[in-house]
Amino acid sequence: MQNFHDSLLGFSGIARRFLSHNTFRNAFAFINLRKEESSYGKAETG
């Protein structure tokens, strides 16, 4: 289990490095925004 945790930390470190670039951060924010919008739409219509 410790091994899994270590690899998870390593992955988050890589992701953080990617997100430090503006392009990636903007894309990530945009994707999150779209997800929220779609979930809002589903909640309203459902």
PDB file of N, CA and C in Angstrom:
ATOM      1  N   MET A   1       0.831  -1.208   0.000  1.00  0.00           N
ATOM      2  CA  MET A   1       0.000   0.000   0.000  1.00  0.00           C
ATOM      3  C   MET A   1       0.869   1.263   0.000  1.00  0.00           C
ATOM      4  N   GLN A   2       1.986   1.194   0.694  1.00  0.00           N
ATOM      5  CA  GLN A   2       2.896   2.328   0.741  1.00  0.00           C
ATOM      6  C   GLN A   2       3.409   2.661  -0.663  1.00  0.00           C
ATOM      7  N   ASN A   3       3.662   1.612  -1.439  1.00  0.00           N
ATOM      8  CA  ASN A   3       4.134   1.805  -2.811  1.00  0.00           C
ATOM      9  C   ASN A   3       3.122   2.594  -3.637  1.00  0.00           C
ATOM     10  N   PHE A   4       1.849   2.237  -3.493  1.00  0.00           N
ATOM     11  CA  PHE A   4       0.780   2.915  -4.215  1.00  0.00           C
ATOM     12  C   PHE A   4       0.725   4.387  -3.830  1.00  0.00           C
ATOM     13  N   HIS A   5       0.855   4.663  -2.537  1.00  0.00           N
ATOM     14  CA  HIS A   5       0.818   6.030  -2.026  1.00  0.00           C
ATOM     15  C   HIS A   5       1.967   6.844  -2.608  1.00  0.00           C
ATOM     16  N   ASP A   6       3.149   6.233  -2.661  1.00  0.00           N
ATOM     17  CA  ASP A   6       4.322   6.915  -3.211  1.00  0.00           C
ATOM     18  C   ASP A   6       4.120   7.271  -4.681  1.00  0.00           C
ATOM     19  N   SER A   7       3.581   6.341  -5.447  1.00  0.00           N
ATOM     20  CA  SER A   7       3.359   6.603  -6.872  1.00  0.00           C
ATOM     21  C   SER A   7       2.295   7.684  -7.055  1.00  0.00           C
ATOM     22  N   LEU A   8       1.322   7.711  -6.141  1.00  0.00           N
ATOM     23  CA  LEU A   8       0.283   8.732  -6.188  1.00  0.00           C
ATOM     24  C   LEU A   8       0.908  10.105  -5.957  1.00  0.00           C
ATOM     25  N   LEU A   9       1.807  10.198  -4.978  1.00  0.00           N
ATOM     26  CA  LEU A   9       2.501  11.451  -4.698  1.00  0.00           C
ATOM     27  C   LEU A   9       3.334  11.873  -5.900  1.00  0.00           C
ATOM     28  N   GLY A  10       3.991  10.910  -6.522  1.00  0.00           N
ATOM     29  CA  GLY A  10       4.800  11.197  -7.704  1.00  0.00           C
ATOM     30  C   GLY A  10       3.940  11.736  -8.832  1.00  0.00           C
ATOM     31  N   PHE A  11       2.770  11.147  -9.019  1.00  0.00           N
ATOM     32  CA  PHE A  11       1.859  11.570 -10.073  1.00  0.00           C
ATOM     33  C   PHE A  11       1.361  12.987  -9.815  1.00  0.00           C
ATOM     34  N   SER A  12       0.987  13.291  -8.575  1.00  0.00           N
ATOM     35  CA  SER A  12       0.498  14.634  -8.248  1.00  0.00           C
ATOM     36  C   SER A  12       1.600  15.664  -8.435  1.00  0.00           C
ATOM     37  N   GLY A  13       2.844  15.251  -8.194  1.00  0.00           N
ATOM     38  CA  GLY A  13       3.978  16.142  -8.417  1.00  0.00           C
ATOM     39  C   GLY A  13       4.112  16.484  -9.894  1.00  0.00           C
ATOM     40  N   ILE A  14       3.952  15.477 -10.750  1.00  0.00           N
ATOM     41  CA  ILE A  14       4.007  15.679 -12.200  1.00  0.00           C
ATOM     42  C   ILE A  14       2.847  16.573 -12.649  1.00  0.00           C
ATOM     43  N   ALA A  15       1.670  16.295 -12.129  1.00  0.00           N
ATOM     44  CA  ALA A  15       0.492  17.079 -12.489  1.00  0.00           C
ATOM     45  C   ALA A  15       0.676  18.533 -12.070  1.00  0.00           C
ATOM     46  N   ARG A  16       1.254  18.736 -10.889  1.00  0.00           N
ATOM     47  CA  ARG A  16       1.475  20.096 -10.395  1.00  0.00           C
ATOM     48  C   ARG A  16       2.455  20.837 -11.299  1.00  0.00           C
ATOM     49  N   ARG A  17       3.454  20.102 -11.785  1.00  0.00           N
ATOM     50  CA  ARG A  17       4.441  20.705 -12.676  1.00  0.00           C
ATOM     51  C   ARG A  17       3.770  21.127 -13.986  1.00  0.00           C
ATOM     52  N   PHE A  18       2.862  20.278 -14.469  1.00  0.00           N
ATOM     53  CA  PHE A  18       2.124  20.609 -15.692  1.00  0.00           C
ATOM     54  C   PHE A  18       1.241  21.836 -15.466  1.00  0.00           C
ATOM     55  N   LEU A  19       0.571  21.866 -14.317  1.00  0.00           N
ATOM     56  CA  LEU A  19      -0.369  22.944 -14.028  1.00  0.00           C
ATOM     57  C   LEU A  19       0.336  24.272 -13.774  1.00  0.00           C
ATOM     58  N   SER A  20       1.652  24.222 -13.567  1.00  0.00           N
ATOM     59  CA  SER A  20       2.381  25.470 -13.346  1.00  0.00           C
ATOM     60  C   SER A  20       2.506  26.255 -14.648  1.00  0.00           C
ATOM     61  N   HIS A  21       2.283  25.573 -15.783  1.00  0.00           N
ATOM     62  CA  HIS A  21       2.259  26.258 -17.073  1.00  0.00           C
ATOM     63  C   HIS A  21       0.860  26.840 -17.280  1.00  0.00           C
ATOM     64  N   ASN A  22       0.819  28.099 -17.695  1.00  0.00           N
ATOM     65  CA  ASN A  22      -0.471  28.781 -17.855  1.00  0.00           C
ATOM     66  C   ASN A  22      -1.416  28.045 -18.790  1.00  0.00           C
ATOM     67  N   THR A  23      -0.901  27.524 -19.881  1.00  0.00           N
ATOM     68  CA  THR A  23      -1.734  26.828 -20.865  1.00  0.00           C
ATOM     69  C   THR A  23      -2.482  25.677 -20.209  1.00  0.00           C
ATOM     70  N   PHE A  24      -1.730  24.867 -19.457  1.00  0.00           N
ATOM     71  CA  PHE A  24      -2.345  23.721 -18.798  1.00  0.00           C
ATOM     72  C   PHE A  24      -3.347  24.169 -17.749  1.00  0.00           C
ATOM     73  N   ARG A  25      -3.003  25.210 -17.006  1.00  0.00           N
ATOM     74  CA  ARG A  25      -3.903  25.692 -15.950  1.00  0.00           C
ATOM     75  C   ARG A  25      -5.201  26.194 -16.560  1.00  0.00           C
ATOM     76  N   ASN A  26      -5.088  26.954 -17.646  1.00  0.00           N
ATOM     77  CA  ASN A  26      -6.282  27.485 -18.312  1.00  0.00           C
ATOM     78  C   ASN A  26      -7.145  26.365 -18.869  1.00  0.00           C
ATOM     79  N   ALA A  27      -6.494  25.382 -19.498  1.00  0.00           N
ATOM     80  CA  ALA A  27      -7.234  24.251 -20.052  1.00  0.00           C
ATOM     81  C   ALA A  27      -7.946  23.487 -18.937  1.00  0.00           C
ATOM     82  N   PHE A  28      -7.246  23.301 -17.819  1.00  0.00           N
ATOM     83  CA  PHE A  28      -7.816  22.566 -16.691  1.00  0.00           C
ATOM     84  C   PHE A  28      -9.021  23.312 -16.121  1.00  0.00           C
ATOM     85  N   ALA A  29      -8.877  24.630 -15.962  1.00  0.00           N
ATOM     86  CA  ALA A  29      -9.975  25.453 -15.444  1.00  0.00           C
ATOM     87  C   ALA A  29     -11.170  25.398 -16.391  1.00  0.00           C
ATOM     88  N   PHE A  30     -10.877  25.427 -17.697  1.00  0.00           N
ATOM     89  CA  PHE A  30     -11.943  25.385 -18.698  1.00  0.00           C
ATOM     90  C   PHE A  30     -12.695  24.061 -18.628  1.00  0.00           C
ATOM     91  N   ILE A  31     -11.946  22.956 -18.506  1.00  0.00           N
ATOM     92  CA  ILE A  31     -12.552  21.624 -18.416  1.00  0.00           C
ATOM     93  C   ILE A  31     -13.434  21.534 -17.166  1.00  0.00           C
ATOM     94  N   ASN A  32     -12.927  22.045 -16.040  1.00  0.00           N
ATOM     95  CA  ASN A  32     -13.704  22.025 -14.803  1.00  0.00           C
ATOM     96  C   ASN A  32     -14.974  22.841 -14.947  1.00  0.00           C
ATOM     97  N   LEU A  33     -14.867  23.993 -15.604  1.00  0.00           N
ATOM     98  CA  LEU A  33     -16.021  24.859 -15.816  1.00  0.00           C
ATOM     99  C   LEU A  33     -17.076  24.144 -16.652  1.00  0.00           C
ATOM    100  N   ARG A  34     -16.629  23.483 -17.722  1.00  0.00           N
ATOM    101  CA  ARG A  34     -17.556  22.747 -18.579  1.00  0.00           C
ATOM    102  C   ARG A  34     -18.243  21.622 -17.804  1.00  0.00           C
ATOM    103  N   LYS A  35     -17.482  20.955 -16.941  1.00  0.00           N
ATOM    104  CA  LYS A  35     -18.052  19.867 -16.130  1.00  0.00           C
ATOM    105  C   LYS A  35     -19.144  20.409 -15.224  1.00  0.00           C
ATOM    106  N   GLU A  36     -18.866  21.549 -14.580  1.00  0.00           N
ATOM    107  CA  GLU A  36     -19.839  22.151 -13.673  1.00  0.00           C
ATOM    108  C   GLU A  36     -21.091  22.562 -14.433  1.00  0.00           C
ATOM    109  N   GLU A  37     -20.891  23.154 -15.606  1.00  0.00           N
ATOM    110  CA  GLU A  37     -22.027  23.581 -16.427  1.00  0.00           C
ATOM    111  C   GLU A  37     -22.905  22.392 -16.814  1.00  0.00           C
ATOM    112  N   SER A  38     -22.275  21.304 -17.258  1.00  0.00           N
ATOM    113  CA  SER A  38     -23.030  20.135 -17.701  1.00  0.00           C
ATOM    114  C   SER A  38     -23.763  19.491 -16.521  1.00  0.00           C
ATOM    115  N   SER A  39     -23.130  19.485 -15.340  1.00  0.00           N
ATOM    116  CA  SER A  39     -23.785  18.885 -14.177  1.00  0.00           C
ATOM    117  C   SER A  39     -24.941  19.769 -13.709  1.00  0.00           C
ATOM    118  N   TYR A  40     -24.784  21.078 -13.858  1.00  0.00           N
ATOM    119  CA  TYR A  40     -25.873  21.998 -13.522  1.00  0.00           C
ATOM    120  C   TYR A  40     -27.063  21.758 -14.450  1.00  0.00           C
ATOM    121  N   GLY A  41     -26.783  21.636 -15.736  1.00  0.00           N
ATOM    122  CA  GLY A  41     -27.829  21.401 -16.722  1.00  0.00           C
ATOM    123  C   GLY A  41     -28.580  20.116 -16.441  1.00  0.00           C
ATOM    124  N   LYS A  42     -27.833  19.060 -16.085  1.00  0.00           N
ATOM    125  CA  LYS A  42     -28.461  17.780 -15.777  1.00  0.00           C
ATOM    126  C   LYS A  42     -29.359  17.905 -14.549  1.00  0.00           C
ATOM    127  N   ALA A  43     -28.874  18.628 -13.537  1.00  0.00           N
ATOM    128  CA  ALA A  43     -29.636  18.779 -12.304  1.00  0.00           C
ATOM    129  C   ALA A  43     -30.943  19.530 -12.576  1.00  0.00           C
ATOM    130  N   GLU A  44     -30.873  20.553 -13.435  1.00  0.00           N
ATOM    131  CA  GLU A  44     -32.065  21.347 -13.732  1.00  0.00           C
ATOM    132  C   GLU A  44     -33.080  20.565 -14.562  1.00  0.00           C
ATOM    133  N   THR A  45     -32.599  19.860 -15.587  1.00  0.00           N
ATOM    134  CA  THR A  45     -33.519  19.124 -16.458  1.00  0.00           C
ATOM    135  C   THR A  45     -34.007  17.842 -15.791  1.00  0.00           C
ATOM    136  N   GLY A  46     -33.156  17.243 -14.961  1.00  0.00           N
ATOM    137  CA  GLY A  46     -33.501  15.989 -14.318  1.00  0.00           C
ATOM    138  C   GLY A  46     -34.483  16.218 -13.201  1.00  0.00           C
TER     139      GLY A  46
END
